[in-house]
C-alpha atoms as a PDB file:
ATOM      1  CA  UNK A   1     125.216  96.727  71.733  1.00  0.00           C
ATOM      2  CA  UNK A   2     122.864  98.982  69.915  1.00  0.00           C
ATOM      3  CA  UNK A   3     120.439  96.644  68.931  1.00  0.00           C
ATOM      4  CA  UNK A   4     120.603  95.065  72.367  1.00  0.00           C
ATOM      5  CA  UNK A   5     120.153  98.186  73.994  1.00  0.00           C
ATOM      6  CA  UNK A   6     116.784  98.822  71.192  1.00  0.00           C
ATOM      7  CA  UNK A   7     115.396  95.467  72.099  1.00  0.00           C
ATOM      8  CA  UNK A   8     115.368  96.284  76.123  1.00  0.00           C
ATOM      9  CA  UNK A   9     113.507 100.199  75.643  1.00  0.00           C
ATOM     10  CA  UNK A  10     111.438  97.702  73.280  1.00  0.00           C
ATOM     11  CA  UNK A  11     110.712  95.831  76.210  1.00  0.00           C
ATOM     12  CA  UNK A  12     110.238  97.764  78.503  1.00  0.00           C
ATOM     13  CA  UNK A  13     107.956 100.494  76.872  1.00  0.00           C
ATOM     14  CA  UNK A  14     105.728  97.025  75.689  1.00  0.00           C
ATOM     15  CA  UNK A  15     105.878  96.006  79.510  1.00  0.00           C
ATOM     16  CA  UNK A  16     104.786  98.672  80.852  1.00  0.00           C
ATOM     17  CA  UNK A  17     101.845  99.342  78.468  1.00  0.00           C
ATOM     18  CA  UNK A  18     100.710  95.836  79.391  1.00  0.00           C
ATOM     19  CA  UNK A  19     101.014  96.311  83.103  1.00  0.00           C
ATOM     20  CA  UNK A  20      99.933  99.358  82.782  1.00  0.00           C
ATOM     21  CA  UNK A  21      96.474  98.549  80.620  1.00  0.00           C
ATOM     22  CA  UNK A  22      96.687  95.156  83.193  1.00  0.00           C
ATOM     23  CA  UNK A  23      95.928  97.629  86.637  1.00  0.00           C
ATOM     24  CA  UNK A  24      94.001 100.144  85.197  1.00  0.00           C
ATOM     25  CA  UNK A  25      91.305  98.842  82.828  1.00  0.00           C
ATOM     26  CA  UNK A  26      90.759  95.294  84.724  1.00  0.00           C
ATOM     27  CA  UNK A  27      91.710  95.570  88.836  1.00  0.00           C
ATOM     28  CA  UNK A  28      91.302  98.828  90.174  1.00  0.00           C
ATOM     29  CA  UNK A  29      87.664  99.251  88.744  1.00  0.00           C
ATOM     30  CA  UNK A  30      86.614  96.342  90.383  1.00  0.00           C
ATOM     31  CA  UNK A  31      89.087  96.681  93.484  1.00  0.00           C
ATOM     32  CA  UNK A  32      91.025  93.924  92.544  1.00  0.00           C
ATOM     33  CA  UNK A  33      94.735  93.264  94.285  1.00  0.00           C
ATOM     34  CA  UNK A  34      97.615  91.982  92.720  1.00  0.00           C
ATOM     35  CA  UNK A  35     100.808  90.675  94.466  1.00  0.00           C
ATOM     36  CA  UNK A  36     103.890  92.229  95.234  1.00  0.00           C
ATOM     37  CA  UNK A  37     105.052  96.009  94.868  1.00  0.00           C
ATOM     38  CA  UNK A  38     102.198  96.634  92.637  1.00  0.00           C
ATOM     39  CA  UNK A  39      99.575  94.744  95.114  1.00  0.00           C
ATOM     40  CA  UNK A  40     101.181  97.610  97.973  1.00  0.00           C
ATOM     41  CA  UNK A  41     100.400 100.153  95.806  1.00  0.00           C
ATOM     42  CA  UNK A  42      97.029  99.309  95.138  1.00  0.00           C
ATOM     43  CA  UNK A  43      96.290  98.304  98.749  1.00  0.00           C
ATOM     44  CA  UNK A  44      97.430 102.846  99.095  1.00  0.00           C
ATOM     45  CA  UNK A  45      95.713 104.044  96.373  1.00  0.00           C
ATOM     46  CA  UNK A  46      92.161 101.653  97.545  1.00  0.00           C
ATOM     47  CA  UNK A  47      92.753 103.160 101.453  1.00  0.00           C
ATOM     48  CA  UNK A  48      94.686 106.619 100.989  1.00  0.00           C
ATOM     49  CA  UNK A  49      94.068 107.357  96.973  1.00  0.00           C
ATOM     50  CA  UNK A  50      97.688 107.963  96.585  1.00  0.00           C
ATOM     51  CA  UNK A  51      98.617 107.516  92.599  1.00  0.00           C
ATOM     52  CA  UNK A  52      99.756 104.079  91.906  1.00  0.00           C
ATOM     53  CA  UNK A  53     102.875 104.693  90.092  1.00  0.00           C
ATOM     54  CA  UNK A  54     103.988 107.165  92.461  1.00  0.00           C
ATOM     55  CA  UNK A  55     103.499 104.520  95.664  1.00  0.00           C
ATOM     56  CA  UNK A  56     105.477 102.269  93.224  1.00  0.00           C
ATOM     57  CA  UNK A  57     108.646 104.567  93.075  1.00  0.00           C
ATOM     58  CA  UNK A  58     108.993 105.275  96.878  1.00  0.00           C
ATOM     59  CA  UNK A  59     108.338 101.828  97.762  1.00  0.00           C
ATOM     60  CA  UNK A  60     111.192 100.810  95.422  1.00  0.00           C
ATOM     61  CA  UNK A  61     113.596 103.288  97.665  1.00  0.00           C
ATOM     62  CA  UNK A  62     114.184 100.551 100.093  1.00  0.00           C
ATOM     63  CA  UNK A  63     114.299  97.178  97.778  1.00  0.00           C
ATOM     64  CA  UNK A  64     117.156  99.563  95.629  1.00  0.00           C
ATOM     65  CA  UNK A  65     118.992  99.933  98.737  1.00  0.00           C
ATOM     66  CA  UNK A  66     119.104  96.560  99.894  1.00  0.00           C
ATOM     67  CA  UNK A  67     120.448  95.201  96.031  1.00  0.00           C
ATOM     68  CA  UNK A  68     123.003  98.479  96.004  1.00  0.00           C
ATOM     69  CA  UNK A  69     125.167  96.690  98.123  1.00  0.00           C
ATOM     70  CA  UNK A  70     124.939  93.304  95.837  1.00  0.00           C
ATOM     71  CA  UNK A  71     124.663  94.334  92.662  1.00  0.00           C
ATOM     72  CA  UNK A  72     124.797  97.902  91.704  1.00  0.00           C
ATOM     73  CA  UNK A  73     124.295  96.584  87.816  1.00  0.00           C
ATOM     74  CA  UNK A  74     120.760  94.929  88.873  1.00  0.00           C
ATOM     75  CA  UNK A  75     119.556  98.657  89.937  1.00  0.00           C
ATOM     76  CA  UNK A  76     121.340 100.177  86.680  1.00  0.00           C
ATOM     77  CA  UNK A  77     119.114  97.793  84.280  1.00  0.00           C
ATOM     78  CA  UNK A  78     116.070  98.029  86.574  1.00  0.00           C
ATOM     79  CA  UNK A  79     115.924 102.323  87.152  1.00  0.00           C
ATOM     80  CA  UNK A  80     114.160 102.638  83.599  1.00  0.00           C
ATOM     81  CA  UNK A  81     112.052  99.972  83.729  1.00  0.00           C
ATOM     82  CA  UNK A  82     110.479 101.289  87.246  1.00  0.00           C
ATOM     83  CA  UNK A  83     110.428 104.895  86.026  1.00  0.00           C
ATOM     84  CA  UNK A  84     108.602 104.403  82.627  1.00  0.00           C
ATOM     85  CA  UNK A  85     106.061 101.609  84.072  1.00  0.00           C
ATOM     86  CA  UNK A  86     105.262 104.303  87.285  1.00  0.00           C
ATOM     87  CA  UNK A  87     105.053 107.023  84.884  1.00  0.00           C
ATOM     88  CA  UNK A  88     102.585 104.996  82.239  1.00  0.00           C
ATOM     89  CA  UNK A  89     100.316 103.868  85.090  1.00  0.00           C
ATOM     90  CA  UNK A  90      99.443 107.072  86.415  1.00  0.00           C
ATOM     91  CA  UNK A  91      99.107 108.225  82.820  1.00  0.00           C
ATOM     92  CA  UNK A  92      96.381 106.048  81.956  1.00  0.00           C
ATOM     93  CA  UNK A  93      94.418 105.966  85.231  1.00  0.00           C
ATOM     94  CA  UNK A  94      91.868 108.686  83.823  1.00  0.00           C
ATOM     95  CA  UNK A  95      90.641 106.369  81.436  1.00  0.00           C
ATOM     96  CA  UNK A  96      90.240 103.547  83.835  1.00  0.00           C
ATOM     97  CA  UNK A  97      86.476 103.683  84.110  1.00  0.00           C
ATOM     98  CA  UNK A  98      85.797 104.815  80.305  1.00  0.00           C
ATOM     99  CA  UNK A  99      86.813 101.806  79.991  1.00  0.00           C
ATOM    100  CA  UNK A 100      85.201  99.644  82.132  1.00  0.00           C
ATOM    101  CA  UNK A 101      81.832 101.655  81.010  1.00  0.00           C
ATOM    102  CA  UNK A 102      82.619 100.097  77.136  1.00  0.00           C
ATOM    103  CA  UNK A 103      83.950  97.081  77.841  1.00  0.00           C
ATOM    104  CA  UNK A 104      81.621  94.676  79.443  1.00  0.00           C
ATOM    105  CA  UNK A 105      83.265  91.484  81.268  1.00  0.00           C
ATOM    106  CA  UNK A 106      82.410  89.516  84.162  1.00  0.00           C
ATOM    107  CA  UNK A 107      84.782  89.788  86.923  1.00  0.00           C
ATOM    108  CA  UNK A 108      86.101  86.646  86.593  1.00  0.00           C
ATOM    109  CA  UNK A 109      87.602  87.591  82.682  1.00  0.00           C
ATOM    110  CA  UNK A 110      88.875  90.878  84.216  1.00  0.00           C
ATOM    111  CA  UNK A 111      90.530  89.476  87.090  1.00  0.00           C
ATOM    112  CA  UNK A 112      92.147  86.526  84.338  1.00  0.00           C
ATOM    113  CA  UNK A 113      92.647  89.084  81.510  1.00  0.00           C
ATOM    114  CA  UNK A 114      94.119  91.618  84.569  1.00  0.00           C
ATOM    115  CA  UNK A 115      96.853  89.113  85.720  1.00  0.00           C
ATOM    116  CA  UNK A 116      97.746  87.990  83.019  1.00  0.00           C
ATOM    117  CA  UNK A 117      98.500  91.343  81.147  1.00  0.00           C
ATOM    118  CA  UNK A 118     100.857  92.122  84.195  1.00  0.00           C
ATOM    119  CA  UNK A 119     102.498  89.106  84.503  1.00  0.00           C
ATOM    120  CA  UNK A 120     102.983  89.344  80.676  1.00  0.00           C
ATOM    121  CA  UNK A 121     104.669  92.725  80.970  1.00  0.00           C
ATOM    122  CA  UNK A 122     106.921  91.757  84.069  1.00  0.00           C
ATOM    123  CA  UNK A 123     108.536  88.299  82.397  1.00  0.00           C
ATOM    124  CA  UNK A 124     108.956  90.602  78.715  1.00  0.00           C
ATOM    125  CA  UNK A 125     110.923  92.945  80.786  1.00  0.00           C
ATOM    126  CA  UNK A 126     112.605  89.926  82.958  1.00  0.00           C
ATOM    127  CA  UNK A 127     113.441  88.314  79.511  1.00  0.00           C
ATOM    128  CA  UNK A 128     114.917  91.537  78.448  1.00  0.00           C
ATOM    129  CA  UNK A 129     117.401  92.493  81.120  1.00  0.00           C
ATOM    130  CA  UNK A 130     115.176  94.745  83.326  1.00  0.00           C
ATOM    131  CA  UNK A 131     112.313  94.958  85.796  1.00  0.00           C
ATOM    132  CA  UNK A 132     109.762  97.165  87.530  1.00  0.00           C
ATOM    133  CA  UNK A 133     112.214  97.838  90.225  1.00  0.00           C
ATOM    134  CA  UNK A 134     109.970  95.932  92.374  1.00  0.00           C
ATOM    135  CA  UNK A 135     109.135  92.272  94.382  1.00  0.00           C
ATOM    136  CA  UNK A 136     110.286  91.137  91.146  1.00  0.00           C
ATOM    137  CA  UNK A 137     113.476  92.899  91.350  1.00  0.00           C
ATOM    138  CA  UNK A 138     113.959  91.268  94.294  1.00  0.00           C
ATOM    139  CA  UNK A 139     112.897  87.926  92.861  1.00  0.00           C
ATOM    140  CA  UNK A 140     115.489  87.929  90.015  1.00  0.00           C
ATOM    141  CA  UNK A 141     117.948  88.615  92.616  1.00  0.00           C
ATOM    142  CA  UNK A 142     116.993  85.905  94.972  1.00  0.00           C
ATOM    143  CA  UNK A 143     117.166  83.376  91.964  1.00  0.00           C
ATOM    144  CA  UNK A 144     120.888  83.823  92.106  1.00  0.00           C
ATOM    145  CA  UNK A 145     120.575  82.128  95.236  1.00  0.00           C
ATOM    146  CA  UNK A 146     117.629  79.750  95.104  1.00  0.00           C
ATOM    147  CA  UNK A 147     117.064  77.118  92.530  1.00  0.00           C
ATOM    148  CA  UNK A 148     113.088  78.118  91.187  1.00  0.00           C
ATOM    149  CA  UNK A 149     112.153  79.765  88.098  1.00  0.00           C
ATOM    150  CA  UNK A 150     111.791  83.672  88.553  1.00  0.00           C
ATOM    151  CA  UNK A 151     108.362  83.303  88.235  1.00  0.00           C
ATOM    152  CA  UNK A 152     107.804  80.670  91.098  1.00  0.00           C
ATOM    153  CA  UNK A 153     109.481  83.646  93.142  1.00  0.00           C
ATOM    154  CA  UNK A 154     107.038  85.831  92.700  1.00  0.00           C
ATOM    155  CA  UNK A 155     103.640  83.753  92.582  1.00  0.00           C
ATOM    156  CA  UNK A 156     104.768  82.794  96.104  1.00  0.00           C
ATOM    157  CA  UNK A 157     105.641  86.821  96.903  1.00  0.00           C
ATOM    158  CA  UNK A 158     102.378  87.376  95.124  1.00  0.00           C
ATOM    159  CA  UNK A 159     100.243  85.260  97.106  1.00  0.00           C
ATOM    160  CA  UNK A 160     102.103  86.465 100.671  1.00  0.00           C
ATOM    161  CA  UNK A 161     101.007  90.187  99.559  1.00  0.00           C
ATOM    162  CA  UNK A 162      97.694  89.184  98.768  1.00  0.00           C
ATOM    163  CA  UNK A 163      96.883  87.008 102.145  1.00  0.00           C
ATOM    164  CA  UNK A 164      98.202  90.514 104.065  1.00  0.00           C
ATOM    165  CA  UNK A 165      95.848  92.423 102.168  1.00  0.00           C
ATOM    166  CA  UNK A 166      92.584  90.042 102.852  1.00  0.00           C
ATOM    167  CA  UNK A 167      92.017  91.803 106.229  1.00  0.00           C
ATOM    168  CA  UNK A 168      91.271  94.501 104.044  1.00  0.00           C
ATOM    169  CA  UNK A 169      89.233  93.319 101.190  1.00  0.00           C
ATOM    170  CA  UNK A 170      85.601  91.447 100.541  1.00  0.00           C
ATOM    171  CA  UNK A 171      85.548  88.270 100.312  1.00  0.00           C
ATOM    172  CA  UNK A 172      84.865  88.133  96.786  1.00  0.00           C
ATOM    173  CA  UNK A 173      87.301  90.882  95.842  1.00  0.00           C
ATOM    174  CA  UNK A 174      90.052  88.605  97.698  1.00  0.00           C
ATOM    175  CA  UNK A 175      89.437  85.134  95.568  1.00  0.00           C
ATOM    176  CA  UNK A 176      89.313  87.379  92.392  1.00  0.00           C
ATOM    177  CA  UNK A 177      92.779  88.488  93.440  1.00  0.00           C
ATOM    178  CA  UNK A 178      93.838  85.006  93.808  1.00  0.00           C
ATOM    179  CA  UNK A 179      92.636  84.300  90.155  1.00  0.00           C
ATOM    180  CA  UNK A 180      94.852  87.663  89.105  1.00  0.00           C
ATOM    181  CA  UNK A 181      97.960  86.297  90.611  1.00  0.00           C
ATOM    182  CA  UNK A 182      97.440  82.871  89.746  1.00  0.00           C
ATOM    183  CA  UNK A 183      97.276  83.969  85.928  1.00  0.00           C
ATOM    184  CA  UNK A 184     100.229  86.791  86.402  1.00  0.00           C
ATOM    185  CA  UNK A 185     102.431  83.989  88.039  1.00  0.00           C
ATOM    186  CA  UNK A 186     101.492  81.669  84.919  1.00  0.00           C
ATOM    187  CA  UNK A 187     102.060  84.330  82.147  1.00  0.00           C
ATOM    188  CA  UNK A 188     105.471  85.476  84.384  1.00  0.00           C
ATOM    189  CA  UNK A 189     106.416  81.895  84.300  1.00  0.00           C
ATOM    190  CA  UNK A 190     106.068  81.186  80.560  1.00  0.00           C
ATOM    191  CA  UNK A 191     107.606  84.712  79.616  1.00  0.00           C
ATOM    192  CA  UNK A 192     110.841  83.349  81.758  1.00  0.00           C
ATOM    193  CA  UNK A 193     111.185  79.848  81.220  1.00  0.00           C
ATOM    194  CA  UNK A 194     114.306  77.780  80.903  1.00  0.00           C
ATOM    195  CA  UNK A 195     115.909  81.533  81.495  1.00  0.00           C
ATOM    196  CA  UNK A 196     119.528  80.858  82.863  1.00  0.00           C
ATOM    197  CA  UNK A 197     119.408  82.813  86.479  1.00  0.00           C
ATOM    198  CA  UNK A 198     121.987  85.166  85.385  1.00  0.00           C
ATOM    199  CA  UNK A 199     121.207  86.046  81.838  1.00  0.00           C
ATOM    200  CA  UNK A 200     120.213  89.179  82.807  1.00  0.00           C
ATOM    201  CA  UNK A 201     121.816  90.590  85.569  1.00  0.00           C
ATOM    202  CA  UNK A 202     125.592  90.576  86.028  1.00  0.00           C
ATOM    203  CA  UNK A 203     127.583  91.792  88.486  1.00  0.00           C
ATOM    204  CA  UNK A 204     130.516  94.083  86.664  1.00  0.00           C
END
């Protein structure tokens, strides 16, 4: 039990770092969107300059409220991932533009790497029984009732968010956001491939 606990904590820490790096160092400097809860938080950040991690926390409240009545264990196993990832995202935010100046990559490369970092971070958490408490939590919840891989559900949800945010973005940014979502969906699917639907979150 102790080993499982340490493994889960390691996954949460690594996943949070990957998500934060993907957001701060690759997406935000070019105003690229991701999907899901992160995408919503990015839209709020671009428009109102509210911290991304804080927005994720606030937006997760109604998601937790929904899941609370179905499986409280899912919330218990997700709250640490949400709190740590939100904290790390805001913690690294002051360094995002330094990274942009020192590392020169094309916008396409940034979109791919950023999406892959975020997708891998989410996938590592899901693989080890945690989430960031966003739409990935809902995706894992829905996977109990829908015969689809968790990564596929997240992939579809992401495109819905990107489509909604399209009216706020220049055309080139929209295309880059689609690339980011695609890369993230692939990464998450690879991390959760052949993972039983009820492997992590079980009713107690």
